[in-house]
């Protein structure tokens, strides 16, 4: 009896130790800038289907402004400012669909700001189809750049 119990504990411990972590990463979209708006996508990579995500997105409100946060119409996606420069978001499907599409965030520089600013993704909570938490890798950070040097210059031959 003790042997069976010990083997069961070892098997369960091994499953927990070797289970893959999910990661949530920023990705620069193909068209990352339009005018003075910089866009980034948030992409989930996991071994199992992710059905829910809650997170905090932090940025420097003295440098940049969140213009828009969006997701596919198949999902409920809500954001709320919890403090100056911190947005809390939650996404899930009322039909129980897995989140297999990225979230898009559009930022713009405040008047007079030119340069790079950090965007941090914190307090990540991922859930499977039963609402059980899925372990997530460490929080991510992304640097978005607003520099006039990226604009095309007029040249003549």
Protein backbone atom coordinates (compact mmCIF):
# COMPACT_ATOMS: atom_id res chain seq x y z
CA UNK A 1 0.00 0.00 0.00
CA UNK A 2 2.81 2.40 0.90
CA UNK A 3 4.62 1.49 -2.32
CA UNK A 4 1.54 2.23 -4.44
CA UNK A 5 1.03 5.54 -2.70
CA UNK A 6 4.70 6.49 -3.12
CA UNK A 7 4.64 5.59 -6.82
CA UNK A 8 1.45 7.62 -7.31
CA UNK A 9 3.03 10.65 -5.63
CA UNK A 10 6.17 10.34 -7.77
CA UNK A 11 4.15 10.08 -10.98
CA UNK A 12 2.03 13.11 -10.11
CA UNK A 13 5.11 15.10 -9.06
CA UNK A 14 6.82 14.24 -12.34
CA UNK A 15 3.78 15.34 -14.32
CA UNK A 16 3.79 18.69 -12.55
CA UNK A 17 7.56 19.15 -12.97
CA UNK A 18 7.63 18.26 -16.66
CA UNK A 19 4.41 19.96 -17.73
CA UNK A 20 5.16 22.71 -20.23
CA UNK A 21 4.61 26.30 -19.27
CA UNK A 22 2.54 28.53 -21.46
CA UNK A 23 4.05 31.78 -22.63
CA UNK A 24 2.48 35.04 -23.61
CA UNK A 25 4.66 37.20 -25.84
CA UNK A 26 4.59 40.48 -27.65
CA UNK A 27 5.01 40.33 -31.39
CA UNK A 28 5.55 43.14 -33.84
CA UNK A 29 2.85 42.93 -36.54
CA UNK A 30 3.79 43.15 -40.22
CA UNK A 31 2.62 46.77 -40.33
CA UNK A 32 3.71 47.97 -36.91
CA UNK A 33 3.28 51.69 -37.55
CA UNK A 34 0.69 53.77 -39.28
CA UNK A 35 1.28 57.48 -38.92
CA UNK A 36 2.03 58.18 -35.28
CA UNK A 37 0.47 54.96 -33.95
CA UNK A 38 2.64 51.98 -33.01
CA UNK A 39 1.01 48.56 -32.78
CA UNK A 40 1.97 45.36 -30.99
CA UNK A 41 0.26 41.98 -30.87
CA UNK A 42 0.02 39.73 -27.83
CA UNK A 43 0.34 36.04 -28.74
CA UNK A 44 -0.22 32.97 -26.52
CA UNK A 45 1.96 29.88 -27.01
CA UNK A 46 0.89 26.82 -25.02
CA UNK A 47 0.85 23.03 -25.17
CA UNK A 48 -2.85 22.99 -24.27
CA UNK A 49 -5.78 25.13 -25.36
CA UNK A 50 -6.10 28.39 -23.45
CA UNK A 51 -9.70 29.54 -22.92
CA UNK A 52 -9.19 32.52 -20.64
CA UNK A 53 -6.57 35.20 -20.02
CA UNK A 54 -6.32 37.98 -17.47
CA UNK A 55 -3.37 40.38 -17.38
CA UNK A 56 -2.05 43.81 -16.47
CA UNK A 57 -0.39 45.95 -19.12
CA UNK A 58 1.87 48.70 -17.75
CA UNK A 59 3.39 51.60 -19.68
CA UNK A 60 4.76 55.08 -19.00
CA UNK A 61 1.81 57.51 -19.34
CA UNK A 62 4.25 60.44 -19.48
CA UNK A 63 5.57 59.09 -22.80
CA UNK A 64 2.84 57.11 -24.57
CA UNK A 65 -0.93 56.62 -24.60
CA UNK A 66 -2.94 53.46 -25.23
CA UNK A 67 -5.22 54.36 -28.13
CA UNK A 68 -6.99 51.05 -28.65
CA UNK A 69 -6.98 47.43 -27.47
CA UNK A 70 -8.81 44.93 -29.68
CA UNK A 71 -9.46 41.23 -30.28
CA UNK A 72 -11.52 39.11 -32.65
CA UNK A 73 -15.30 39.48 -32.42
CA UNK A 74 -15.45 35.80 -31.36
CA UNK A 75 -14.21 36.78 -27.89
CA UNK A 76 -15.30 38.94 -24.99
CA UNK A 77 -12.42 41.35 -24.40
CA UNK A 78 -12.62 44.00 -21.71
CA UNK A 79 -10.01 46.41 -20.41
CA UNK A 80 -10.09 48.82 -17.50
CA UNK A 81 -7.53 51.33 -16.25
CA UNK A 82 -6.63 50.28 -12.68
CA UNK A 83 -4.11 53.10 -12.16
CA UNK A 84 -2.28 55.68 -14.21
CA UNK A 85 -0.43 53.69 -16.89
CA UNK A 86 -1.78 50.26 -15.87
CA UNK A 87 -4.55 48.54 -17.84
CA UNK A 88 -6.14 45.28 -16.66
CA UNK A 89 -7.55 43.06 -19.39
CA UNK A 90 -9.58 39.88 -19.57
CA UNK A 91 -10.50 37.79 -22.60
CA UNK A 92 -12.62 34.67 -23.01
CA UNK A 93 -15.25 33.17 -25.31
CA UNK A 94 -18.91 32.82 -24.36
CA UNK A 95 -18.97 29.76 -26.68
CA UNK A 96 -15.98 28.13 -24.95
CA UNK A 97 -13.59 28.68 -27.86
CA UNK A 98 -9.84 28.50 -27.31
CA UNK A 99 -7.97 31.79 -27.67
CA UNK A 100 -6.00 31.16 -30.84
CA UNK A 101 -5.75 34.71 -32.14
CA UNK A 102 -3.62 37.55 -30.87
CA UNK A 103 -4.73 40.71 -29.13
CA UNK A 104 -3.77 44.03 -30.70
CA UNK A 105 -2.67 47.14 -28.82
CA UNK A 106 -2.22 50.53 -30.49
CA UNK A 107 -0.09 53.15 -28.75
CA UNK A 108 0.72 56.73 -29.70
CA UNK A 109 3.40 59.06 -28.36
CA UNK A 110 2.38 62.04 -26.29
CA UNK A 111 3.08 65.43 -27.90
CA UNK A 112 6.79 66.14 -27.81
CA UNK A 113 7.85 62.56 -27.01
CA UNK A 114 10.28 60.95 -29.40
CA UNK A 115 12.16 57.77 -28.58
CA UNK A 116 11.50 54.36 -27.08
CA UNK A 117 9.15 53.41 -24.27
CA UNK A 118 8.69 50.09 -22.42
CA UNK A 119 5.45 48.17 -22.21
CA UNK A 120 5.31 45.48 -19.52
CA UNK A 121 2.94 42.53 -19.36
CA UNK A 122 2.36 41.43 -15.74
CA UNK A 123 0.04 39.45 -13.47
CA UNK A 124 -0.66 36.83 -16.12
CA UNK A 125 -3.46 34.35 -15.37
CA UNK A 126 -4.23 31.70 -18.00
CA UNK A 127 -7.12 29.22 -17.78
CA UNK A 128 -8.02 26.01 -19.60
CA UNK A 129 -11.50 24.95 -20.73
CA UNK A 130 -12.47 23.98 -17.16
CA UNK A 131 -11.29 27.23 -15.61
CA UNK A 132 -8.19 25.63 -14.13
CA UNK A 133 -5.12 27.83 -14.02
CA UNK A 134 -2.39 27.06 -16.56
CA UNK A 135 1.10 27.98 -15.41
CA UNK A 136 2.54 30.90 -17.35
CA UNK A 137 6.17 31.77 -17.95
CA UNK A 138 7.66 34.98 -16.59
CA UNK A 139 6.14 38.33 -17.53
CA UNK A 140 7.25 39.93 -20.77
CA UNK A 141 8.44 43.40 -21.70
CA UNK A 142 8.41 45.14 -25.08
CA UNK A 143 10.10 48.31 -26.28
CA UNK A 144 8.11 50.40 -28.73
CA UNK A 145 9.86 53.15 -30.67
CA UNK A 146 8.53 56.49 -31.83
CA UNK A 147 11.34 58.14 -33.72
CA UNK A 148 11.19 60.44 -36.72
CA UNK A 149 14.20 58.59 -38.13
CA UNK A 150 11.79 55.81 -39.14
CA UNK A 151 9.96 58.11 -41.53
CA UNK A 152 11.00 57.97 -45.18
CA UNK A 153 13.20 60.80 -46.35
CA UNK A 154 12.89 62.51 -49.74
CA UNK A 155 15.82 61.75 -51.97
CA UNK A 156 16.70 62.93 -55.46
CA UNK A 157 18.98 61.50 -58.12
